[in-house]
């Protein structure tokens, strides 16, 4: 099986040339953390708060499962095997985890993009959206072979896990929304705490911290802000730019301010999650861009 995967990798990496390299870089970016920091707040701030918070939860739980499986299986990436004679591109996109290069399975780019675009397609449920989402996820996955940083099975399993997560959400959605607000608040705190307890690596603290901040922020925003997304896109875009600048300022500034360590990773992402879901809407309302409900 591995011999076949090696041949597939050699085929795709053998196609490398400047124009396709640029295309692969774009596709790689569409599966990076930076892109998710751009697209998910856009949905929450500018399209729909209910849709945005659901997308955030489903996506974060998916990438948490992905990071957990990477640490558990410890499959070595093609770039970590000597003598394979495969030219790898944009290796820095694979070095974000704490277990590199032994973190190949399953592919974070494949699973993350399949979760994000698959969930959007599931919610909109239009044939053209399904087709577009499928093509984009396929191209992002193929780009991981083209750049030589993943095995084919990493991609297939990553997409399958994303599909299972969305299917589970479909079954659980009505049950969760039927819960009392108090119960949902308890879950918003309990689930991230359990995530950190079960996965004590840096990624566990980061994803758990982000989800905790976002969950608490969701209820604080609902109780004390209640921002209403305006009809004018000019106001939405201005608010979005302000919010994104705030997120990236926190991401960079807190990394410099806080010492290294899993606990501080969790605290940093907790603050970012709290900012995105609660504090940014306060700013939008205070600046007169959005109105309160």
Protein backbone atom coordinates (compact mmCIF):
# COMPACT_ATOMS: atom_id res chain seq x y z
CA UNK A 1 0.00 0.00 0.00
CA UNK A 2 2.74 2.45 0.95
CA UNK A 3 4.61 1.67 -2.28
CA UNK A 4 1.53 2.71 -4.26
CA UNK A 5 1.24 5.92 -2.24
CA UNK A 6 4.90 6.70 -2.92
CA UNK A 7 4.31 6.31 -6.65
CA UNK A 8 1.26 8.58 -6.47
CA UNK A 9 3.32 11.21 -4.62
CA UNK A 10 6.12 10.98 -7.16
CA UNK A 11 3.60 11.46 -9.95
CA UNK A 12 2.10 14.61 -8.46
CA UNK A 13 5.38 16.15 -7.29
CA UNK A 14 6.77 15.42 -10.76
CA UNK A 15 4.23 17.89 -12.14
CA UNK A 16 5.78 20.79 -10.22
CA UNK A 17 6.45 23.92 -12.27
CA UNK A 18 6.23 27.66 -11.45
CA UNK A 19 2.62 28.33 -12.50
CA UNK A 20 1.26 25.25 -10.75
CA UNK A 21 3.45 26.04 -7.73
CA UNK A 22 1.69 29.38 -7.37
CA UNK A 23 -1.71 27.72 -7.69
CA UNK A 24 -0.67 25.17 -5.04
CA UNK A 25 0.42 28.01 -2.73
CA UNK A 26 -3.03 29.62 -3.02
CA UNK A 27 -4.74 26.32 -2.29
CA UNK A 28 -2.40 25.72 0.65
CA UNK A 29 -3.33 29.13 2.07
CA UNK A 30 -7.03 28.25 1.78
CA UNK A 31 -6.40 25.41 4.23
CA UNK A 32 -4.22 27.36 6.70
CA UNK A 33 -5.18 28.71 10.12
CA UNK A 34 -4.77 32.28 8.84
CA UNK A 35 -7.50 31.78 6.25
CA UNK A 36 -9.88 30.33 8.84
CA UNK A 37 -9.27 33.39 11.02
CA UNK A 38 -10.42 35.44 8.02
CA UNK A 39 -13.47 33.48 6.80
CA UNK A 40 -15.21 32.32 10.01
CA UNK A 41 -15.43 35.82 11.61
CA UNK A 42 -16.76 37.09 8.28
CA UNK A 43 -19.65 34.64 8.51
CA UNK A 44 -20.38 35.53 12.15
CA UNK A 45 -20.00 39.32 11.85
CA UNK A 46 -21.35 39.91 8.36
CA UNK A 47 -23.69 37.06 7.37
CA UNK A 48 -25.43 35.38 10.31
CA UNK A 49 -24.62 35.06 14.01
CA UNK A 50 -26.46 31.72 14.46
CA UNK A 51 -24.84 30.26 11.36
CA UNK A 52 -21.45 31.67 12.31
CA UNK A 53 -21.39 30.26 15.85
CA UNK A 54 -22.47 26.82 14.60
CA UNK A 55 -19.77 26.87 11.93
CA UNK A 56 -17.19 27.85 14.55
CA UNK A 57 -18.15 25.00 16.90
CA UNK A 58 -18.25 22.33 14.19
CA UNK A 59 -14.97 23.49 12.70
CA UNK A 60 -13.08 23.75 16.01
CA UNK A 61 -14.26 20.33 17.16
CA UNK A 62 -13.15 18.92 13.80
CA UNK A 63 -9.63 20.38 13.96
CA UNK A 64 -9.36 19.31 17.60
CA UNK A 65 -10.15 15.72 16.60
CA UNK A 66 -7.66 16.03 13.76
CA UNK A 67 -4.85 17.21 16.06
CA UNK A 68 -5.66 14.46 18.57
CA UNK A 69 -5.47 11.77 15.90
CA UNK A 70 -2.20 13.18 14.57
CA UNK A 71 -0.64 12.88 18.03
CA UNK A 72 -2.14 9.42 18.60
CA UNK A 73 -1.13 7.83 15.27
CA UNK A 74 2.22 9.66 14.84
CA UNK A 75 2.47 8.82 11.11
CA UNK A 76 5.60 10.33 9.58
CA UNK A 77 5.07 12.73 6.69
CA UNK A 78 6.81 12.11 3.35
CA UNK A 79 9.09 15.07 4.11
CA UNK A 80 10.30 13.28 7.25
CA UNK A 81 11.46 10.12 5.49
CA UNK A 82 15.04 10.05 4.19
CA UNK A 83 15.75 8.63 0.76
CA UNK A 84 12.20 9.06 -0.54
CA UNK A 85 13.40 11.47 -3.26
CA UNK A 86 10.27 13.60 -3.21
CA UNK A 87 10.59 17.37 -3.62
CA UNK A 88 8.43 19.09 -1.01
CA UNK A 89 7.07 22.64 -1.31
CA UNK A 90 5.73 25.02 1.35
CA UNK A 91 6.83 22.70 4.14
CA UNK A 92 6.19 25.53 6.63
CA UNK A 93 2.45 24.89 6.15
CA UNK A 94 3.01 21.46 7.71
CA UNK A 95 5.22 22.62 10.57
CA UNK A 96 2.47 24.26 12.63
CA UNK A 97 1.88 21.25 14.89
CA UNK A 98 4.02 20.22 17.85
CA UNK A 99 4.63 16.70 16.46
CA UNK A 100 6.07 17.57 13.03
CA UNK A 101 7.07 15.57 10.99
CA UNK A 102 5.29 12.71 12.75
CA UNK A 103 1.82 14.22 12.30
CA UNK A 104 0.77 13.23 8.81
CA UNK A 105 -2.45 11.33 9.52
CA UNK A 106 -5.08 12.57 8.89
CA UNK A 107 -4.53 15.68 6.77
CA UNK A 108 -5.50 18.88 8.57
CA UNK A 109 -5.90 20.76 5.30
CA UNK A 110 -8.21 18.10 3.85
CA UNK A 111 -10.27 17.67 7.01
CA UNK A 112 -10.43 21.37 7.85
CA UNK A 113 -11.45 22.47 4.36
CA UNK A 114 -13.96 19.60 4.04
CA UNK A 115 -15.48 20.58 7.39
CA UNK A 116 -15.67 24.29 6.59
CA UNK A 117 -16.97 24.12 3.04
CA UNK A 118 -18.92 20.93 3.62
CA UNK A 119 -20.80 22.53 6.51
CA UNK A 120 -21.51 25.67 4.47
CA UNK A 121 -22.78 23.51 1.60
CA UNK A 122 -24.86 21.44 4.03
CA UNK A 123 -26.49 24.56 5.50
CA UNK A 124 -27.16 26.26 2.14
CA UNK A 125 -28.05 22.92 0.51
CA UNK A 126 -27.91 24.08 -3.08
CA UNK A 127 -26.51 21.89 -5.88
CA UNK A 128 -24.13 24.57 -7.17
CA UNK A 129 -22.76 25.17 -3.66
CA UNK A 130 -22.23 21.43 -3.12
CA UNK A 131 -20.39 21.16 -6.44
CA UNK A 132 -18.23 24.23 -5.75
CA UNK A 133 -17.41 23.01 -2.23
CA UNK A 134 -16.52 19.55 -3.53
CA UNK A 135 -14.22 20.93 -6.22
CA UNK A 136 -12.47 23.26 -3.76
CA UNK A 137 -11.90 20.52 -1.16
CA UNK A 138 -10.63 18.19 -3.88
CA UNK A 139 -8.15 20.79 -5.18
CA UNK A 140 -6.90 21.68 -1.67
CA UNK A 141 -6.37 17.96 -1.01
CA UNK A 142 -4.58 17.39 -4.31
CA UNK A 143 -2.34 20.37 -3.52
CA UNK A 144 -1.08 18.48 -0.44
CA UNK A 145 0.07 15.67 -2.76
CA UNK A 146 1.52 18.13 -5.26
CA UNK A 147 3.56 19.80 -2.50
CA UNK A 148 4.67 16.41 -1.16
CA UNK A 149 3.65 16.90 2.47
CA UNK A 150 0.95 14.22 2.83
CA UNK A 151 0.15 10.63 1.91
CA UNK A 152 -2.99 9.93 -0.15
CA UNK A 153 -4.62 8.04 2.74
CA UNK A 154 -4.17 11.12 4.96
CA UNK A 155 -6.39 13.09 2.59
CA UNK A 156 -9.06 10.44 2.10
CA UNK A 157 -9.47 9.80 5.81
CA UNK A 158 -9.46 13.53 6.61
CA UNK A 159 -12.37 14.16 4.23
CA UNK A 160 -14.26 11.13 5.56
CA UNK A 161 -13.88 12.31 9.17
CA UNK A 162 -15.22 15.73 8.17
CA UNK A 163 -18.24 14.07 6.55
CA UNK A 164 -18.90 12.01 9.70
CA UNK A 165 -18.68 15.13 11.91
CA UNK A 166 -21.20 16.99 9.74
CA UNK A 167 -23.49 13.94 9.77
CA UNK A 168 -23.31 13.79 13.57
CA UNK A 169 -24.14 17.49 13.73
CA UNK A 170 -27.19 16.85 11.52
CA UNK A 171 -28.44 14.26 14.00
CA UNK A 172 -27.64 16.32 17.12
CA UNK A 173 -28.64 19.84 16.03
CA UNK A 174 -32.30 19.74 17.08
CA UNK A 175 -31.45 18.06 20.38
CA UNK A 176 -28.87 20.72 21.24
CA UNK A 177 -31.09 23.68 20.30
CA UNK A 178 -33.92 22.14 22.38
CA UNK A 179 -31.79 22.30 25.53
CA UNK A 180 -32.38 25.09 28.03
CA UNK A 181 -30.11 28.12 27.87
CA UNK A 182 -28.60 27.22 31.24
CA UNK A 183 -27.72 23.72 30.02
CA UNK A 184 -26.14 25.09 26.85
CA UNK A 185 -24.07 27.51 28.91
CA UNK A 186 -22.84 24.66 31.10
CA UNK A 187 -21.91 22.69 27.98
CA UNK A 188 -20.15 25.75 26.52
CA UNK A 189 -17.84 25.65 29.55
CA UNK A 190 -17.67 21.91 30.18
CA UNK A 191 -16.88 20.73 26.63
CA UNK A 192 -13.75 22.90 26.17
CA UNK A 193 -12.51 21.96 29.65
CA UNK A 194 -12.88 18.27 28.77
CA UNK A 195 -11.07 18.90 25.49
CA UNK A 196 -8.06 20.24 27.39
CA UNK A 197 -8.15 17.41 29.94
CA UNK A 198 -8.28 14.73 27.23
CA UNK A 199 -5.61 16.29 25.00
CA UNK A 200 -2.93 18.12 26.97
CA UNK A 201 -0.72 19.10 24.03
CA UNK A 202 -0.48 22.72 22.92
CA UNK A 203 -3.18 22.17 20.29
CA UNK A 204 -5.59 20.85 22.92
CA UNK A 205 -5.13 23.96 25.06
CA UNK A 206 -5.40 26.24 22.01
CA UNK A 207 -8.59 24.75 20.57
CA UNK A 208 -10.14 24.25 24.00
CA UNK A 209 -9.26 27.81 25.02
CA UNK A 210 -10.65 29.26 21.81
CA UNK A 211 -13.89 27.33 22.16
CA UNK A 212 -14.23 28.34 25.82
CA UNK A 213 -13.75 32.02 24.99
CA UNK A 214 -16.14 31.84 22.04
CA UNK A 215 -18.78 29.95 24.04
CA UNK A 216 -18.75 32.37 26.96
CA UNK A 217 -18.57 35.28 24.55
CA UNK A 218 -21.63 34.03 22.69
CA UNK A 219 -23.82 34.24 25.79
CA UNK A 220 -22.35 37.57 26.92
CA UNK A 221 -23.01 39.02 23.46
CA UNK A 222 -26.53 37.65 23.49
CA UNK A 223 -27.35 39.03 26.95
CA UNK A 224 -25.59 42.40 26.89
CA UNK A 225 -24.98 43.40 23.26
CA UNK A 226 -27.36 41.74 20.79
CA UNK A 227 -25.75 43.24 17.70
CA UNK A 228 -27.92 43.37 14.59
CA UNK A 229 -26.09 42.93 11.28
CA UNK A 230 -26.96 45.98 9.15
CA UNK A 231 -28.34 45.80 5.62
CA UNK A 232 -25.64 48.14 4.29
CA UNK A 233 -22.57 46.23 3.18
CA UNK A 234 -20.37 49.29 3.62
CA UNK A 235 -20.93 49.10 7.40
CA UNK A 236 -20.36 45.35 7.42
CA UNK A 237 -17.04 45.67 5.58
CA UNK A 238 -15.77 48.45 7.86
CA UNK A 239 -16.72 46.42 10.94
CA UNK A 240 -15.11 43.31 9.45
CA UNK A 241 -11.81 45.09 8.75
CA UNK A 242 -11.73 46.47 12.30
CA UNK A 243 -12.49 43.05 13.75
CA UNK A 244 -9.90 41.19 11.68
CA UNK A 245 -7.22 43.75 12.57
CA UNK A 246 -8.12 43.18 16.23
CA UNK A 247 -7.87 39.39 15.91
CA UNK A 248 -4.47 39.43 14.23
CA UNK A 249 -3.19 42.11 16.61
CA UNK A 250 -4.15 39.88 19.53
CA UNK A 251 -2.73 36.79 17.88
CA UNK A 252 0.64 38.46 17.35
CA UNK A 253 0.75 40.70 20.43
CA UNK A 254 -0.29 38.06 22.94
CA UNK A 255 2.29 35.64 21.57
CA UNK A 256 4.97 38.24 22.31
CA UNK A 257 3.47 39.22 25.67
CA UNK A 258 2.83 35.75 27.10
CA UNK A 259 5.62 33.26 27.89
CA UNK A 260 5.73 29.95 26.05
CA UNK A 261 3.69 27.06 27.40
CA UNK A 262 0.47 25.16 26.84
CA UNK A 263 -1.47 27.09 29.50
CA UNK A 264 -0.57 30.43 27.94
CA UNK A 265 -1.45 29.07 24.48
CA UNK A 266 -4.89 28.28 25.86
CA UNK A 267 -5.19 31.69 27.51
CA UNK A 268 -4.15 33.45 24.31
CA UNK A 269 -6.76 31.68 22.22
CA UNK A 270 -9.37 32.12 24.95
CA UNK A 271 -8.91 35.89 24.67
CA UNK A 272 -9.06 35.75 20.86
CA UNK A 273 -12.28 33.72 20.98
CA UNK A 274 -13.80 36.10 23.54
CA UNK A 275 -12.81 39.08 21.42
CA UNK A 276 -14.25 37.69 18.19
CA UNK A 277 -17.63 36.71 19.60
CA UNK A 278 -18.24 39.36 22.29
CA UNK A 279 -15.80 42.29 22.36
CA UNK A 280 -15.76 42.93 18.59
CA UNK A 281 -19.58 43.26 18.49
CA UNK A 282 -19.33 45.76 21.38
CA UNK A 283 -16.90 47.82 19.26
CA UNK A 284 -19.18 47.63 16.22
CA UNK A 285 -22.12 48.93 18.28
CA UNK A 286 -20.08 51.64 20.05
CA UNK A 287 -18.80 52.90 16.69
CA UNK A 288 -22.35 53.13 15.36
CA UNK A 289 -21.77 50.54 12.64
CA UNK A 290 -24.23 48.02 14.12
CA UNK A 291 -27.33 48.53 16.24
CA UNK A 292 -28.36 46.64 19.35
CA UNK A 293 -31.32 44.30 19.17
